[in-house]
Amino acid sequence: MNPTFSIGEFSERTGTSIRTLHYYDEIGLLKPKKHPTSGHRLYVNHDLLTLQKIVTFKFLGYSLDQIREILNESSFDTGLTETLALQKKALEEKKEHIESALAAIKRTITLLEEEGEVDSAVLISLINGIQTEKEQIQWLQQRMSSEIVEHFTNKPEEELVALDKEYIRLSKEVKRLFGTPVQDPEVQAMLDKYIKATFAFIGEEAMHALAEFDISDAANLEKMVPSPYTPEEEEWLNQAMEYFMSQQDMDESE
């Protein structure tokens, strides 16, 4: 005789909540028999096997719709390989996303603990920069030698945080000094400090390679990391940078 289980017994036996079992019944994924008079759900041993399949494929990352399509298969052959390969790729992409998000969270926690307070636009810009690191590296790999790209992409965590902190300090100074004449010594000292920190992080060879990029091409890289500045601040900073570079050229020519 095939034993039957009430929904409560089946829930306790399988560790699946009654709410979930109700949902599976509603969407036709696991439909138990109904008591002829009371209408209560009655589960049998075959339902245990069906639920085991559902749980297994959910563990592998399949959606409920995907599971429904393969649920009635009594055996599997190489036809399952294709869907498993697709699922593997999807999980690898999800893993990469999770690892990137965890890196962003870790660096953000460190920055907030050390800085105390960070402008929201600056923080979002930094997080977006971490989020698009893969795309940035791919962009650079198409335009630079592997040695140069390797030099400033494989950096230890403490160096990344140090550059983030320099970026935060620059943004604070930009917002504080905005509107000051670009030739003001304090403005130029701010740029000199930031550029030296960037040189130390990236390396002189990579900086020169970046400087040689076409302006419109370089703009594509900048789009991957939204600016924390207003258009007015951005224009002022560009003017200050142009003045700084012109002074550097004059010094070199003397």
Protein backbone atom coordinates (compact mmCIF):
# COMPACT_ATOMS: atom_id res chain seq x y z
CA MET A 1 0.00 0.00 0.00
CA ASN A 2 1.34 3.38 -0.99
CA PRO A 3 1.49 5.53 2.17
CA THR A 4 0.16 9.09 2.02
CA PHE A 5 1.24 12.18 3.90
CA SER A 6 -0.64 15.31 4.81
CA ILE A 7 0.95 18.58 3.76
CA GLY A 8 2.19 19.11 7.31
CA GLU A 9 3.77 15.64 7.45
CA PHE A 10 5.27 16.07 3.98
CA SER A 11 6.67 19.48 4.96
CA GLU A 12 8.27 18.07 8.09
CA ARG A 13 9.60 15.03 6.25
CA THR A 14 11.22 17.06 3.44
CA GLY A 15 12.15 20.31 5.20
CA THR A 16 10.14 22.28 2.65
CA SER A 17 7.79 24.92 4.03
CA ILE A 18 4.03 24.52 3.67
CA ARG A 19 3.93 27.88 1.91
CA THR A 20 6.38 26.64 -0.73
CA LEU A 21 4.40 23.43 -1.22
CA HIS A 22 1.25 25.50 -1.71
CA TYR A 23 3.06 27.57 -4.34
CA TYR A 24 4.38 24.51 -6.18
CA ASP A 25 0.84 23.16 -6.28
CA GLU A 26 -0.56 26.47 -7.56
CA ILE A 27 1.90 26.66 -10.47
CA GLY A 28 1.51 22.97 -11.31
CA LEU A 29 5.07 22.01 -10.43
CA LEU A 30 4.20 19.52 -7.70
CA LYS A 31 0.50 18.67 -7.61
CA PRO A 32 -0.47 16.19 -4.89
CA LYS A 33 -3.62 14.12 -4.87
CA LYS A 34 -6.65 15.55 -3.06
CA HIS A 35 -8.68 13.70 -0.43
CA PRO A 36 -11.99 12.74 -2.10
CA THR A 37 -14.13 14.24 0.66
CA SER A 38 -12.06 16.84 2.54
CA GLY A 39 -10.05 18.07 -0.44
CA HIS A 40 -6.88 18.14 1.67
CA ARG A 41 -3.59 17.62 -0.16
CA LEU A 42 -2.20 14.09 0.06
CA TYR A 43 1.42 13.37 -0.87
CA VAL A 44 2.87 9.97 -1.81
CA ASN A 45 6.40 8.57 -2.18
CA HIS A 46 6.55 9.58 -5.84
CA ASP A 47 6.08 13.19 -4.76
CA LEU A 48 9.22 12.83 -2.64
CA LEU A 49 11.19 11.98 -5.78
CA THR A 50 9.63 14.88 -7.68
CA LEU A 51 10.45 17.32 -4.89
CA GLN A 52 14.01 15.96 -4.76
CA LYS A 53 14.38 16.76 -8.48
CA ILE A 54 13.02 20.26 -7.93
CA VAL A 55 15.40 20.91 -5.03
CA THR A 56 18.36 19.48 -6.97
CA PHE A 57 17.82 21.59 -10.06
CA LYS A 58 17.11 24.67 -7.96
CA PHE A 59 20.48 24.05 -6.29
CA LEU A 60 22.05 24.00 -9.77
CA GLY A 61 20.49 27.40 -10.43
CA TYR A 62 17.64 26.39 -12.76
CA SER A 63 14.49 28.52 -12.77
CA LEU A 64 11.16 26.90 -11.91
CA ASP A 65 10.09 27.22 -15.54
CA GLN A 66 13.22 25.37 -16.64
CA ILE A 67 12.63 22.72 -14.00
CA ARG A 68 9.07 22.18 -15.20
CA GLU A 69 10.37 21.32 -18.67
CA ILE A 70 12.71 18.57 -17.46
CA LEU A 71 10.80 17.35 -14.41
CA ASN A 72 9.12 14.38 -16.04
CA GLU A 73 12.32 12.95 -17.51
CA SER A 74 12.89 9.46 -16.10
CA SER A 75 16.53 9.49 -17.19
CA PHE A 76 19.01 11.98 -18.62
CA ASP A 77 21.39 11.70 -21.56
CA THR A 78 23.83 14.03 -23.28
CA GLY A 79 20.90 16.33 -24.10
CA LEU A 80 21.16 17.60 -20.53
CA THR A 81 24.79 18.60 -21.15
CA GLU A 82 23.78 21.65 -23.16
CA THR A 83 21.51 23.05 -20.46
CA LEU A 84 24.10 22.25 -17.79
CA ALA A 85 26.75 24.10 -19.80
CA LEU A 86 24.47 27.14 -20.09
CA GLN A 87 23.73 26.95 -16.39
CA LYS A 88 27.44 26.70 -15.62
CA LYS A 89 28.10 29.86 -17.63
CA ALA A 90 25.25 31.70 -15.90
CA LEU A 91 26.53 30.69 -12.46
CA GLU A 92 30.09 31.73 -13.34
CA GLU A 93 28.80 35.15 -14.39
CA LYS A 94 26.78 35.40 -11.18
CA LYS A 95 29.87 34.38 -9.17
CA GLU A 96 31.90 37.09 -10.91
CA HIS A 97 29.20 39.64 -10.12
CA ILE A 98 29.08 38.58 -6.46
CA GLU A 99 32.86 38.75 -6.15
CA SER A 100 32.88 42.23 -7.69
CA ALA A 101 30.08 43.37 -5.36
CA LEU A 102 31.89 41.95 -2.33
CA ALA A 103 35.09 43.78 -3.36
CA ALA A 104 33.11 47.02 -3.69
CA ILE A 105 31.48 46.51 -0.28
CA LYS A 106 34.80 45.70 1.39
CA ARG A 107 36.54 48.76 -0.06
CA THR A 108 33.58 50.99 0.74
CA ILE A 109 33.50 49.83 4.37
CA THR A 110 37.24 50.48 4.67
CA LEU A 111 36.90 53.97 3.18
CA LEU A 112 33.98 54.94 5.39
CA GLU A 113 35.74 53.64 8.50
CA GLU A 114 38.92 55.56 7.68
CA GLU A 115 37.42 58.73 6.20
CA GLY A 116 34.36 58.99 8.44
CA GLU A 117 32.26 60.69 5.78
CA VAL A 118 32.35 60.61 1.97
CA ASP A 119 30.35 62.71 -0.48
CA SER A 120 27.61 60.54 -1.99
CA ALA A 121 28.51 61.40 -5.61
CA VAL A 122 32.14 60.50 -4.98
CA LEU A 123 31.23 57.22 -3.29
CA ILE A 124 28.89 56.22 -6.14
CA SER A 125 31.64 57.09 -8.65
CA LEU A 126 34.11 54.86 -6.80
CA ILE A 127 31.65 51.96 -6.59
CA ASN A 128 30.84 52.29 -10.29
CA GLY A 129 34.56 52.21 -10.98
CA ILE A 130 34.87 48.90 -9.15
CA GLN A 131 31.75 47.58 -10.90
CA THR A 132 33.18 48.28 -14.36
CA GLU A 133 36.78 47.20 -13.68
CA LYS A 134 36.44 44.23 -16.04
CA GLU A 135 35.24 46.44 -18.91
CA GLN A 136 37.99 48.97 -18.17
CA ILE A 137 40.65 46.26 -18.31
CA GLN A 138 39.27 44.90 -21.58
CA TRP A 139 39.31 48.43 -23.03
CA LEU A 140 42.94 48.90 -21.99
CA GLN A 141 44.01 45.46 -23.24
CA GLN A 142 42.90 46.44 -26.73
CA ARG A 143 45.10 49.53 -26.66
CA MET A 144 48.14 48.75 -24.49
CA SER A 145 50.72 46.04 -24.13
CA SER A 146 49.90 43.26 -21.69
CA GLU A 147 52.89 44.26 -19.56
CA ILE A 148 51.56 47.79 -19.01
CA VAL A 149 48.02 46.59 -18.29
CA GLU A 150 49.35 43.96 -15.89
CA HIS A 151 51.37 46.60 -14.06
CA PHE A 152 48.42 48.67 -12.87
CA THR A 153 45.58 46.15 -12.75
CA ASN A 154 47.02 43.56 -10.36
CA LYS A 155 47.38 45.81 -7.36
CA PRO A 156 47.09 44.73 -3.70
CA GLU A 157 44.02 45.84 -1.78
CA GLU A 158 45.90 48.40 0.31
CA GLU A 159 47.13 50.23 -2.81
CA LEU A 160 43.61 50.34 -4.26
CA VAL A 161 42.24 51.79 -1.03
CA ALA A 162 45.10 54.32 -0.92
CA LEU A 163 44.23 55.55 -4.42
CA ASP A 164 40.53 55.67 -3.50
CA LYS A 165 41.45 57.91 -0.55
CA GLU A 166 43.46 60.20 -2.81
CA TYR A 167 40.46 60.40 -5.14
CA ILE A 168 38.22 61.35 -2.17
CA ARG A 169 40.68 64.00 -1.01
CA LEU A 170 40.90 65.43 -4.53
CA SER A 171 37.11 65.64 -4.78
CA LYS A 172 36.94 67.46 -1.44
CA GLU A 173 39.59 69.92 -2.60
CA VAL A 174 37.91 70.43 -5.97
CA LYS A 175 34.63 71.31 -4.31
CA ARG A 176 36.40 73.56 -1.78
CA LEU A 177 38.52 75.40 -4.35
CA PHE A 178 35.97 75.50 -7.16
CA GLY A 179 35.82 79.01 -8.61
CA THR A 180 39.35 79.91 -7.51
CA PRO A 181 41.56 81.12 -10.39
CA VAL A 182 43.17 78.05 -11.95
CA GLN A 183 46.66 79.56 -11.64
CA ASP A 184 46.27 79.91 -7.88
CA PRO A 185 49.17 78.08 -6.15
CA GLU A 186 46.80 76.10 -3.94
CA VAL A 187 44.89 74.79 -6.99
CA GLN A 188 48.10 73.83 -8.75
CA ALA A 189 49.49 72.19 -5.61
CA MET A 190 46.31 70.10 -5.38
CA LEU A 191 46.75 68.84 -8.95
CA ASP A 192 50.46 68.22 -8.48
CA LYS A 193 49.80 66.04 -5.43
CA TYR A 194 47.07 64.03 -7.15
CA ILE A 195 49.04 63.49 -10.36
CA LYS A 196 52.08 62.33 -8.39
CA ALA A 197 49.90 59.83 -6.50
CA THR A 198 48.43 58.59 -9.79
CA PHE A 199 51.90 58.28 -11.33
CA ALA A 200 53.04 56.23 -8.32
CA PHE A 201 50.04 53.92 -8.66
CA ILE A 202 49.88 53.47 -12.43
CA GLY A 203 53.48 53.99 -13.43
CA GLU A 204 55.05 56.52 -15.76
CA GLU A 205 54.95 54.29 -18.84
CA ALA A 206 51.21 53.66 -18.50
CA MET A 207 50.52 57.36 -17.85
CA HIS A 208 52.33 58.34 -21.04
CA ALA A 209 50.40 55.65 -22.95
CA LEU A 210 47.09 57.01 -21.61
CA ALA A 211 48.09 60.56 -22.52
CA GLU A 212 48.56 59.52 -26.15
CA PHE A 213 44.99 58.25 -26.55
CA ASP A 214 42.65 60.16 -28.84
CA ILE A 215 40.41 62.44 -26.74
CA SER A 216 37.19 60.91 -28.09
CA ASP A 217 38.55 57.42 -27.47
CA ALA A 218 39.62 58.26 -23.93
CA ALA A 219 36.12 59.62 -23.31
CA ASN A 220 34.78 56.08 -23.73
CA LEU A 221 36.92 54.99 -20.78
CA GLU A 222 35.73 57.93 -18.69
CA LYS A 223 32.09 56.98 -19.37
CA MET A 224 32.64 53.73 -17.48
CA VAL A 225 33.17 55.75 -14.29
CA PRO A 226 30.67 58.62 -13.85
CA SER A 227 32.22 61.87 -12.69
CA PRO A 228 31.40 63.02 -9.13
CA TYR A 229 31.57 66.65 -10.27
CA THR A 230 28.98 69.03 -11.66
CA PRO A 231 29.49 70.18 -15.29
CA GLU A 232 30.76 73.51 -13.94
CA GLU A 233 33.23 71.82 -11.61
CA GLU A 234 34.32 69.51 -14.41
CA GLU A 235 35.01 72.45 -16.74
CA TRP A 236 36.93 74.31 -14.03
CA LEU A 237 39.00 71.21 -13.22
CA ASN A 238 39.83 70.67 -16.91
CA GLN A 239 40.98 74.27 -17.21
CA ALA A 240 43.10 73.90 -14.09
CA MET A 241 44.62 70.72 -15.48
CA GLU A 242 45.36 72.39 -18.84
CA TYR A 243 47.12 75.22 -17.03
CA PHE A 244 49.05 72.74 -14.90
CA MET A 245 50.23 70.82 -17.98
CA SER A 246 51.20 74.03 -19.78
CA GLN A 247 53.36 75.01 -16.80
CA GLN A 248 54.98 71.58 -16.85
CA ASP A 249 55.80 71.98 -20.52
CA MET A 250 57.34 75.39 -19.86
CA ASP A 251 59.48 73.97 -17.06
CA GLU A 252 60.71 71.16 -19.31
CA SER A 253 61.61 73.57 -22.12
CA GLU A 254 63.76 75.75 -19.87
